[in-house]
Amino acid sequence: MNLTIRKMHPNEYPLLGDFLYQAIYQPDTTNLTPKSIINNPELQVYIKDFGKQKDDYCFCAEVDNKVVGAVWVRNINEYGSIDNVTVEFAISVFDEYQKMGIGTALMNRMLEHLKELNYPKASLAVQKGNYAVRMYQKVGFEIVDENEQEYIMIHRLGNKMTNKDILEIALQQSAYDCNCETKDFLAEHNIVSISKANPKARKYIPLPFECDLVSYGNNIVAQTSERTKAVVTEYINKYLAYRCFETPNINVLNELLAPFNLKVCFMAEYFLPDVTKLKELDCGYELRVLQKQDFADLYLEQWSNCLTFDDRERDVLAVGAYDDDKLIGLAGCSVDCETMYQIGVDVLPEYRRKGVASALTSKLSLEILKLGKVPFYCAAWSNIKSVRNAIKSGFYPAWVELTAREIDFVNNINK
């Protein structure tokens, strides 16, 4: 196959009508929508007078002198729109040329073009059942919203996230986890929601919770069951927000939860990267970026803090520190949710206190950000070494969380 990806010539723009129709998701090929549907106003905005708007760009795929696919962008307020400045993608390849890598090649060429022009991001909408979702994710798009039928996806085009971007993503994830809205974490008063399962929540948290408290420093967002709502509400409204996460006040919470066979089980502090401080750190040892296949044989006890033994599919990227060919430290990240990757790090005892952990953490964080994802780091309050590593690596404390579980569950951990 002799494939060429090139800019579409203006005299070829009428072809976009064919490609627009081809782009319509029609899983039932025995009952196709008439082509006249592209004359509907909500579809015409993708192609009408194409080339006359300042953000109109189009590339096409040519095979043996025949145009077989096209990708184009416009700034429009339609299905995949996220604001009034972000360009929206449209792409299609004729049936007989699909699954040959042509779509990926077109997407990559347009993304490269937009990066050259310093566009901050691009968006698209795609039907949830469309196999192209995986292709969009492969080239760097991420799901940021959805409705009943479609995913809304954005690509950050390799531009650096700001601290504001990172915080907004973390707040959105916490909203998924806590069955609330992002604004709730910034309110001046406490919020109580009824906990429920959410497919967008962090994969390792066993929702629904009976009592879980989260604070970004302003207030407390508590998720509860119906039966514990009253006592948890009483507790968080009795004390200052930060006091609710420490003793002796936690003893009061345990007393309130005891009739429900619950007690406080987990408390942790979560850290986000400060992009103004995050940078590669030198530890004097070689650092290597490792893909999934590179660390497949490293599920060993010495790396238990940085790899997910019970769900290896979540582990997607790692950075190893090497003394010659000896692996002396490892930082790994797990896909705990769509937009955020959690970092864990281990260093062999004889190589500790040499800056290896912070070098690994910072390097892996930068690699995660290149993927358009947010790295985050978790540590117990009392794990001073881990907290110091987070801060030295360029992270700052962003939120705290306290979770109660069944008394038998807690007692079993303490055995």
Protein backbone atom coordinates (compact mmCIF):
# COMPACT_ATOMS: atom_id res chain seq x y z
CA MET A 1 0.00 0.00 0.00
CA ASN A 2 1.42 3.35 -1.09
CA LEU A 3 0.08 5.71 1.60
CA THR A 4 0.56 9.47 1.61
CA ILE A 5 -0.71 11.85 4.28
CA ARG A 6 -0.95 15.39 2.95
CA LYS A 7 -2.89 18.61 3.32
CA MET A 8 -6.19 18.48 1.49
CA HIS A 9 -6.34 20.94 -1.40
CA PRO A 10 -9.19 23.50 -1.31
CA ASN A 11 -10.65 22.10 -4.53
CA GLU A 12 -11.01 18.76 -2.71
CA TYR A 13 -13.05 20.16 0.20
CA PRO A 14 -16.34 18.95 -1.37
CA LEU A 15 -15.10 15.43 -0.50
CA LEU A 16 -15.66 16.28 3.16
CA GLY A 17 -19.36 15.60 2.65
CA ASP A 18 -18.54 11.98 1.87
CA PHE A 19 -16.20 11.71 4.82
CA LEU A 20 -18.69 13.38 7.15
CA TYR A 21 -21.29 10.76 6.25
CA GLN A 22 -18.68 8.02 6.66
CA ALA A 23 -17.90 9.40 10.14
CA ILE A 24 -21.47 8.84 11.37
CA TYR A 25 -21.47 5.83 13.69
CA GLN A 26 -23.85 3.24 12.21
CA PRO A 27 -23.31 -0.18 13.81
CA ASP A 28 -26.31 -1.67 11.96
CA THR A 29 -25.06 -1.80 8.37
CA THR A 30 -28.38 -3.27 7.20
CA ASN A 31 -30.29 -0.12 8.11
CA LEU A 32 -28.11 2.83 7.14
CA THR A 33 -29.21 6.42 7.58
CA PRO A 34 -29.71 8.25 4.23
CA LYS A 35 -26.77 10.38 3.19
CA SER A 36 -29.08 13.41 3.17
CA ILE A 37 -28.68 13.50 6.97
CA ILE A 38 -25.47 15.48 6.50
CA ASN A 39 -27.64 18.41 5.39
CA ASN A 40 -28.94 18.76 8.94
CA PRO A 41 -27.67 22.02 10.47
CA GLU A 42 -25.94 20.26 13.38
CA LEU A 43 -23.82 18.30 10.87
CA GLN A 44 -23.37 21.00 8.25
CA VAL A 45 -21.38 23.09 10.73
CA TYR A 46 -18.55 20.58 10.34
CA ILE A 47 -18.09 21.22 6.61
CA LYS A 48 -20.04 24.29 5.41
CA ASP A 49 -17.72 26.86 3.81
CA PHE A 50 -14.76 24.84 5.05
CA GLY A 51 -11.50 26.72 4.72
CA LYS A 52 -12.98 30.14 5.44
CA GLN A 53 -12.61 30.03 9.23
CA LYS A 54 -9.22 30.68 10.76
CA ASP A 55 -9.15 27.33 12.59
CA ASP A 56 -10.06 25.18 9.56
CA TYR A 57 -7.37 22.58 8.84
CA CYS A 58 -7.64 19.33 6.94
CA PHE A 59 -5.32 16.46 6.05
CA CYS A 60 -6.20 13.55 3.81
CA ALA A 61 -4.91 10.04 3.23
CA GLU A 62 -4.11 9.12 -0.35
CA VAL A 63 -3.60 5.55 -1.52
CA ASP A 64 -2.58 4.96 -5.13
CA ASN A 65 -3.70 8.49 -6.05
CA LYS A 66 -7.13 8.04 -4.40
CA VAL A 67 -8.24 10.04 -1.35
CA VAL A 68 -9.47 7.38 1.09
CA GLY A 69 -9.59 9.20 4.42
CA ALA A 70 -9.63 12.64 5.97
CA VAL A 71 -9.20 14.35 9.30
CA TRP A 72 -10.24 17.94 9.84
CA VAL A 73 -10.71 20.39 12.69
CA ARG A 74 -12.90 23.44 13.23
CA ASN A 75 -13.78 25.69 16.12
CA ILE A 76 -17.47 24.94 16.47
CA ASN A 77 -20.00 24.55 19.24
CA GLU A 78 -21.14 21.01 18.58
CA TYR A 79 -21.04 17.46 19.94
CA GLY A 80 -17.39 17.43 21.02
CA SER A 81 -17.12 21.09 22.00
CA ILE A 82 -15.71 21.87 25.45
CA ASP A 83 -15.35 25.67 25.16
CA ASN A 84 -15.30 28.43 22.56
CA VAL A 85 -11.58 28.26 21.77
CA THR A 86 -10.82 24.53 21.42
CA VAL A 87 -10.88 22.99 17.94
CA GLU A 88 -12.93 19.85 17.43
CA PHE A 89 -11.79 16.81 15.44
CA ALA A 90 -13.68 14.93 12.75
CA ILE A 91 -12.16 11.91 11.02
CA SER A 92 -13.19 9.03 8.79
CA VAL A 93 -11.67 6.45 6.49
CA PHE A 94 -13.58 4.57 3.82
CA ASP A 95 -14.63 1.07 4.91
CA GLU A 96 -12.30 -0.88 2.65
CA TYR A 97 -9.28 1.03 4.01
CA GLN A 98 -10.05 0.74 7.70
CA LYS A 99 -7.91 -1.17 10.24
CA MET A 100 -4.78 -0.47 8.21
CA GLY A 101 -3.38 2.24 10.49
CA ILE A 102 -4.60 5.04 8.22
CA GLY A 103 -6.79 6.62 10.87
CA THR A 104 -3.94 6.66 13.37
CA ALA A 105 -1.61 8.20 10.79
CA LEU A 106 -4.15 10.93 10.02
CA MET A 107 -4.72 11.69 13.70
CA ASN A 108 -1.00 11.90 14.45
CA ARG A 109 -0.39 14.23 11.49
CA MET A 110 -3.14 16.61 12.58
CA LEU A 111 -1.98 16.52 16.20
CA GLU A 112 1.55 17.33 15.06
CA HIS A 113 0.20 20.25 13.00
CA LEU A 114 -1.78 21.65 15.92
CA LYS A 115 1.24 21.39 18.19
CA GLU A 116 3.32 23.31 15.66
CA LEU A 117 0.69 26.06 15.76
CA ASN A 118 0.74 26.07 19.59
CA TYR A 119 -2.88 25.06 20.07
CA PRO A 120 -3.30 24.17 23.76
CA LYS A 121 -5.74 21.28 23.24
CA ALA A 122 -8.24 19.67 20.91
CA SER A 123 -11.48 17.79 21.50
CA LEU A 124 -13.80 15.26 19.91
CA ALA A 125 -16.99 13.31 20.60
CA VAL A 126 -17.29 9.59 19.93
CA GLN A 127 -20.05 7.05 20.39
CA LYS A 128 -19.28 4.74 23.30
CA GLY A 129 -19.63 1.65 21.14
CA ASN A 130 -17.26 2.88 18.45
CA TYR A 131 -14.03 0.85 18.26
CA ALA A 132 -12.24 4.12 17.44
CA VAL A 133 -12.32 5.03 21.16
CA ARG A 134 -9.22 2.91 21.69
CA MET A 135 -7.44 4.51 18.76
CA TYR A 136 -8.16 7.99 20.15
CA GLN A 137 -6.81 6.95 23.54
CA LYS A 138 -3.74 5.44 21.88
CA VAL A 139 -2.84 8.77 20.26
CA GLY A 140 -3.29 10.63 23.55
CA PHE A 141 -6.94 11.61 23.92
CA GLU A 142 -8.53 11.17 27.32
CA ILE A 143 -12.17 10.98 28.37
CA VAL A 144 -13.19 14.08 30.31
CA ASP A 145 -16.97 13.85 30.16
CA GLU A 146 -19.75 11.68 28.83
CA ASN A 147 -23.46 11.55 28.22
CA GLU A 148 -25.74 8.61 27.67
CA GLN A 149 -24.35 7.84 24.22
CA GLU A 150 -21.00 9.57 23.80
CA TYR A 151 -17.63 10.22 25.34
CA ILE A 152 -16.19 13.72 25.19
CA MET A 153 -12.41 13.47 24.83
CA ILE A 154 -9.57 15.98 24.81
CA HIS A 155 -5.93 15.92 23.79
CA ARG A 156 -3.60 18.31 25.61
CA LEU A 157 -1.24 18.36 22.63
CA GLY A 158 1.86 17.85 24.72
CA ASN A 159 1.48 21.22 26.37
CA LYS A 160 2.42 21.30 30.01
CA MET A 161 -0.41 21.13 32.46
CA THR A 162 -0.63 23.99 34.91
CA ASN A 163 -1.10 23.49 38.63
CA LYS A 164 -4.66 24.73 38.11
CA ASP A 165 -5.28 22.02 35.47
CA ILE A 166 -3.89 19.35 37.80
CA LEU A 167 -5.97 20.46 40.76
CA GLU A 168 -9.14 20.57 38.65
CA ILE A 169 -8.52 17.01 37.48
CA ALA A 170 -7.94 15.84 41.05
CA LEU A 171 -11.10 17.59 42.25
CA GLN A 172 -13.10 15.95 39.47
CA GLN A 173 -11.74 12.55 40.43
CA SER A 174 -12.59 13.12 44.07
CA ALA A 175 -16.11 14.09 42.99
CA TYR A 176 -16.44 10.75 41.19
CA ASP A 177 -15.12 8.97 44.28
CA CYS A 178 -17.40 10.82 46.72
CA ASN A 179 -20.61 11.09 44.69
CA CYS A 180 -20.59 14.88 44.71
CA GLU A 181 -19.59 17.90 42.61
CA THR A 182 -16.13 19.45 42.35
CA LYS A 183 -17.37 22.73 43.84
CA ASP A 184 -18.32 20.88 47.02
CA PHE A 185 -14.65 20.56 48.04
CA LEU A 186 -14.22 24.33 47.82
CA ALA A 187 -17.34 25.25 49.79
CA GLU A 188 -17.19 27.04 53.14
CA HIS A 189 -19.57 24.55 54.72
CA ASN A 190 -19.43 20.77 55.03
CA ILE A 191 -21.11 18.50 52.48
CA VAL A 192 -22.60 15.05 53.08
CA SER A 193 -23.44 12.69 50.21
CA ILE A 194 -24.77 9.16 50.08
CA SER A 195 -21.98 6.89 48.88
CA LYS A 196 -22.52 4.75 45.82
CA ALA A 197 -20.48 2.82 43.29
CA ASN A 198 -19.16 4.74 40.31
CA PRO A 199 -17.29 3.20 37.36
CA LYS A 200 -15.16 6.37 37.19
CA ALA A 201 -14.01 6.09 40.80
CA ARG A 202 -10.49 4.98 41.71
CA LYS A 203 -10.38 1.28 40.98
CA TYR A 204 -9.05 0.18 44.35
CA ILE A 205 -11.64 1.82 46.61
CA PRO A 206 -14.50 -0.53 47.59
CA LEU A 207 -17.50 1.74 47.14
CA PRO A 208 -19.98 2.33 48.61
CA PHE A 209 -18.51 3.50 51.92
CA GLU A 210 -20.35 3.89 55.21
CA CYS A 211 -18.05 6.69 56.33
CA ASP A 212 -15.36 8.44 54.31
CA LEU A 213 -14.11 11.98 54.92
CA VAL A 214 -12.17 14.07 52.38
CA SER A 215 -10.76 17.57 52.81
CA TYR A 216 -8.87 19.81 50.41
CA GLY A 217 -8.37 22.27 53.27
CA ASN A 218 -11.60 24.25 53.08
CA ASN A 219 -14.22 21.94 54.51
CA ILE A 220 -15.10 18.24 54.73
CA VAL A 221 -16.96 16.25 52.12
CA ALA A 222 -18.32 13.14 53.80
CA GLN A 223 -19.82 10.19 51.99
CA THR A 224 -21.95 7.91 54.12
CA SER A 225 -24.67 5.30 54.03
CA GLU A 226 -28.23 6.23 54.88
CA ARG A 227 -27.85 4.64 58.31
CA THR A 228 -24.63 6.48 59.24
CA LYS A 229 -25.49 9.86 57.72
CA ALA A 230 -26.81 11.42 60.91
CA VAL A 231 -23.89 10.51 63.18
CA VAL A 232 -21.24 11.44 60.61
CA THR A 233 -22.95 14.76 59.97
CA GLU A 234 -23.02 15.39 63.71
CA TYR A 235 -19.30 14.65 63.95
CA ILE A 236 -18.02 16.82 61.09
CA ASN A 237 -20.17 19.77 62.14
CA LYS A 238 -19.02 19.59 65.78
CA TYR A 239 -15.29 20.20 65.21
CA LEU A 240 -13.06 22.25 62.95
CA ALA A 241 -12.39 20.43 59.69
CA TYR A 242 -8.75 19.63 60.39
CA ARG A 243 -9.56 18.42 63.92
CA CYS A 244 -11.82 15.74 62.48
CA PHE A 245 -8.76 13.99 61.07
CA GLU A 246 -6.81 13.71 64.33
CA THR A 247 -7.05 12.40 67.85
CA PRO A 248 -8.63 12.86 70.30
CA ASN A 249 -11.55 13.77 68.03
CA ILE A 250 -11.30 10.54 66.03
CA ASN A 251 -12.08 8.71 69.27
CA VAL A 252 -15.45 10.44 69.25
CA LEU A 253 -16.06 9.28 65.69
CA ASN A 254 -15.25 5.71 66.65
CA GLU A 255 -17.75 5.89 69.50
CA LEU A 256 -20.42 7.19 67.12
CA LEU A 257 -19.68 4.44 64.60
CA ALA A 258 -19.48 1.56 67.08
CA PRO A 259 -23.24 0.81 67.02
CA PHE A 260 -22.89 0.24 63.27
CA ASN A 261 -19.96 -2.17 63.76
CA LEU A 262 -17.56 0.33 62.19
CA LYS A 263 -14.33 2.04 63.19
CA VAL A 264 -11.71 4.26 61.55
CA CYS A 265 -9.38 2.17 59.41
CA PHE A 266 -7.40 4.26 56.92
CA MET A 267 -6.00 7.78 57.07
CA ALA A 268 -3.72 9.21 54.40
CA GLU A 269 -2.38 12.40 52.87
CA TYR A 270 -2.36 12.79 49.09
CA PHE A 271 0.14 14.83 47.10
CA LEU A 272 -0.01 16.46 43.67
CA PRO A 273 2.92 17.71 41.58
CA ASP A 274 3.82 21.39 41.60
CA VAL A 275 4.88 21.91 37.98
CA THR A 276 6.87 25.00 38.95
CA LYS A 277 9.10 22.81 41.14
CA LEU A 278 8.98 19.39 39.45
CA LYS A 279 12.20 18.61 37.60
CA GLU A 280 14.54 15.70 36.97
CA LEU A 281 16.82 15.07 39.94
CA ASP A 282 20.25 13.49 39.73
CA CYS A 283 21.05 10.65 42.12
CA GLY A 284 24.30 9.51 40.53
CA TYR A 285 22.78 6.31 39.12
CA GLU A 286 21.40 5.52 35.68
CA LEU A 287 17.63 5.88 35.35
CA ARG A 288 15.75 3.84 32.77
CA VAL A 289 12.13 4.22 31.71
CA LEU A 290 10.49 0.79 31.76
CA GLN A 291 7.43 -0.28 29.83
CA LYS A 292 5.05 -3.02 30.93
CA GLN A 293 7.06 -5.82 29.36
CA ASP A 294 10.24 -4.55 30.98
CA PHE A 295 9.01 -5.01 34.56
CA ALA A 296 6.87 -8.14 34.04
CA ASP A 297 9.41 -10.21 36.02
CA LEU A 298 9.83 -7.69 38.84
CA TYR A 299 6.83 -8.64 40.98
CA LEU A 300 9.07 -9.46 43.91
CA GLU A 301 8.87 -8.61 47.60
CA GLN A 302 11.47 -5.84 47.40
CA TRP A 303 9.27 -3.95 44.92
CA SER A 304 5.95 -4.43 46.74
CA ASN A 305 5.35 -0.71 47.32
CA CYS A 306 5.65 0.28 43.68
CA LEU A 307 3.90 -2.55 41.81
CA THR A 308 0.29 -3.69 42.10
CA PHE A 309 0.56 -7.40 42.84
CA ASP A 310 -3.18 -8.12 42.95
CA ASP A 311 -4.05 -6.29 39.69
CA ARG A 312 -1.01 -6.19 37.43
CA GLU A 313 -2.96 -4.81 34.48
CA ARG A 314 -3.11 -1.44 36.24
CA ASP A 315 0.69 -1.11 36.20
CA VAL A 316 1.64 0.68 32.98
CA LEU A 317 4.96 2.46 33.45
CA ALA A 318 8.00 2.43 35.72
CA VAL A 319 11.43 3.98 36.14
CA GLY A 320 14.34 1.91 37.41
CA ALA A 321 17.60 3.09 38.99
CA TYR A 322 20.63 0.97 38.11
CA ASP A 323 24.09 0.53 39.61
CA ASP A 324 25.68 -0.88 36.46
CA ASP A 325 23.15 -3.63 35.65
CA LYS A 326 21.84 -4.06 39.18
CA LEU A 327 18.35 -2.70 39.80
CA ILE A 328 18.62 -0.73 43.03
CA GLY A 329 15.38 1.26 43.03
CA LEU A 330 12.05 1.23 41.26
CA ALA A 331 9.16 3.66 40.93
CA GLY A 332 5.97 2.39 39.32
CA CYS A 333 2.61 3.88 38.51
CA SER A 334 -0.81 2.28 38.38
CA VAL A 335 -3.81 3.42 36.36
CA ASP A 336 -6.11 3.94 39.31
CA CYS A 337 -8.58 5.96 37.24
CA GLU A 338 -8.88 7.47 33.77
CA THR A 339 -6.94 10.67 34.41
CA MET A 340 -4.65 9.97 37.39
CA TYR A 341 -1.77 7.54 37.91
CA GLN A 342 -0.62 6.72 41.44
CA ILE A 343 3.12 6.48 42.13
CA GLY A 344 4.84 4.04 44.46
CA VAL A 345 8.58 3.74 45.06
CA ASP A 346 11.01 1.23 46.57
CA VAL A 347 14.78 1.45 47.06
CA LEU A 348 17.04 -1.35 48.26
CA PRO A 349 18.12 -0.69 51.89
CA GLU A 350 21.82 -0.25 51.14
CA TYR A 351 21.04 2.49 48.55
CA ARG A 352 18.68 4.58 50.65
CA ARG A 353 19.33 8.19 51.73
CA LYS A 354 21.22 8.84 48.49
CA GLY A 355 18.48 10.70 46.61
CA VAL A 356 17.43 7.63 44.61
CA ALA A 357 13.77 7.72 45.67
CA SER A 358 13.28 11.38 44.77
CA ALA A 359 15.12 10.96 41.45
CA LEU A 360 12.84 8.04 40.56
CA THR A 361 9.67 9.81 41.71
CA SER A 362 10.37 13.03 39.83
CA LYS A 363 11.42 11.22 36.64
CA LEU A 364 8.32 9.02 36.63
CA SER A 365 6.10 12.02 37.34
CA LEU A 366 7.44 13.83 34.30
CA GLU A 367 6.88 10.74 32.15
CA ILE A 368 3.29 10.50 33.38
CA LEU A 369 2.65 14.16 32.59
CA LYS A 370 3.95 13.56 29.05
CA LEU A 371 1.09 11.08 28.66
CA GLY A 372 -1.40 13.78 29.62
CA LYS A 373 -2.12 12.12 32.97
CA VAL A 374 -1.81 13.44 36.52
CA PRO A 375 0.65 11.69 38.85
CA PHE A 376 -0.33 11.52 42.50
CA TYR A 377 1.39 10.23 45.60
CA CYS A 378 -0.06 8.89 48.84
CA ALA A 379 1.57 8.68 52.26
CA ALA A 380 0.51 8.12 55.84
CA TRP A 381 0.84 11.17 58.12
CA SER A 382 3.43 9.36 60.23
CA ASN A 383 5.55 8.13 57.32
CA ILE A 384 7.94 11.07 57.50
CA LYS A 385 10.41 9.54 55.03
CA SER A 386 7.70 9.15 52.41
CA VAL A 387 6.33 12.65 52.99
CA ARG A 388 9.84 14.11 52.69
CA ASN A 389 10.32 12.21 49.44
CA ALA A 390 7.10 13.64 48.03
CA ILE A 391 8.09 17.21 48.87
CA LYS A 392 11.68 16.79 47.64
CA SER A 393 10.37 15.33 44.38
CA GLY A 394 8.27 18.44 43.67
CA PHE A 395 4.92 17.48 45.19
CA TYR A 396 2.71 19.34 47.65
CA PRO A 397 -0.03 18.11 50.01
CA ALA A 398 -3.40 18.45 48.24
CA TRP A 399 -6.01 16.53 50.22
CA VAL A 400 -6.49 14.18 53.15
CA GLU A 401 -8.82 11.24 53.51
CA LEU A 402 -10.15 9.14 56.37
CA THR A 403 -12.13 5.93 55.87
CA ALA A 404 -14.01 3.73 58.33
CA ARG A 405 -14.52 0.02 57.73
CA GLU A 406 -16.14 -2.91 59.51
CA ILE A 407 -14.59 -3.69 62.92
CA ASP A 408 -13.77 -7.28 61.88
CA PHE A 409 -11.98 -5.95 58.79
CA VAL A 410 -9.88 -3.60 60.94
CA ASN A 411 -9.14 -6.28 63.53
CA ASN A 412 -8.01 -8.68 60.82
CA ILE A 413 -5.51 -6.13 59.54
CA ASN A 414 -4.14 -5.75 63.06
CA LYS A 415 -3.55 -9.46 63.59
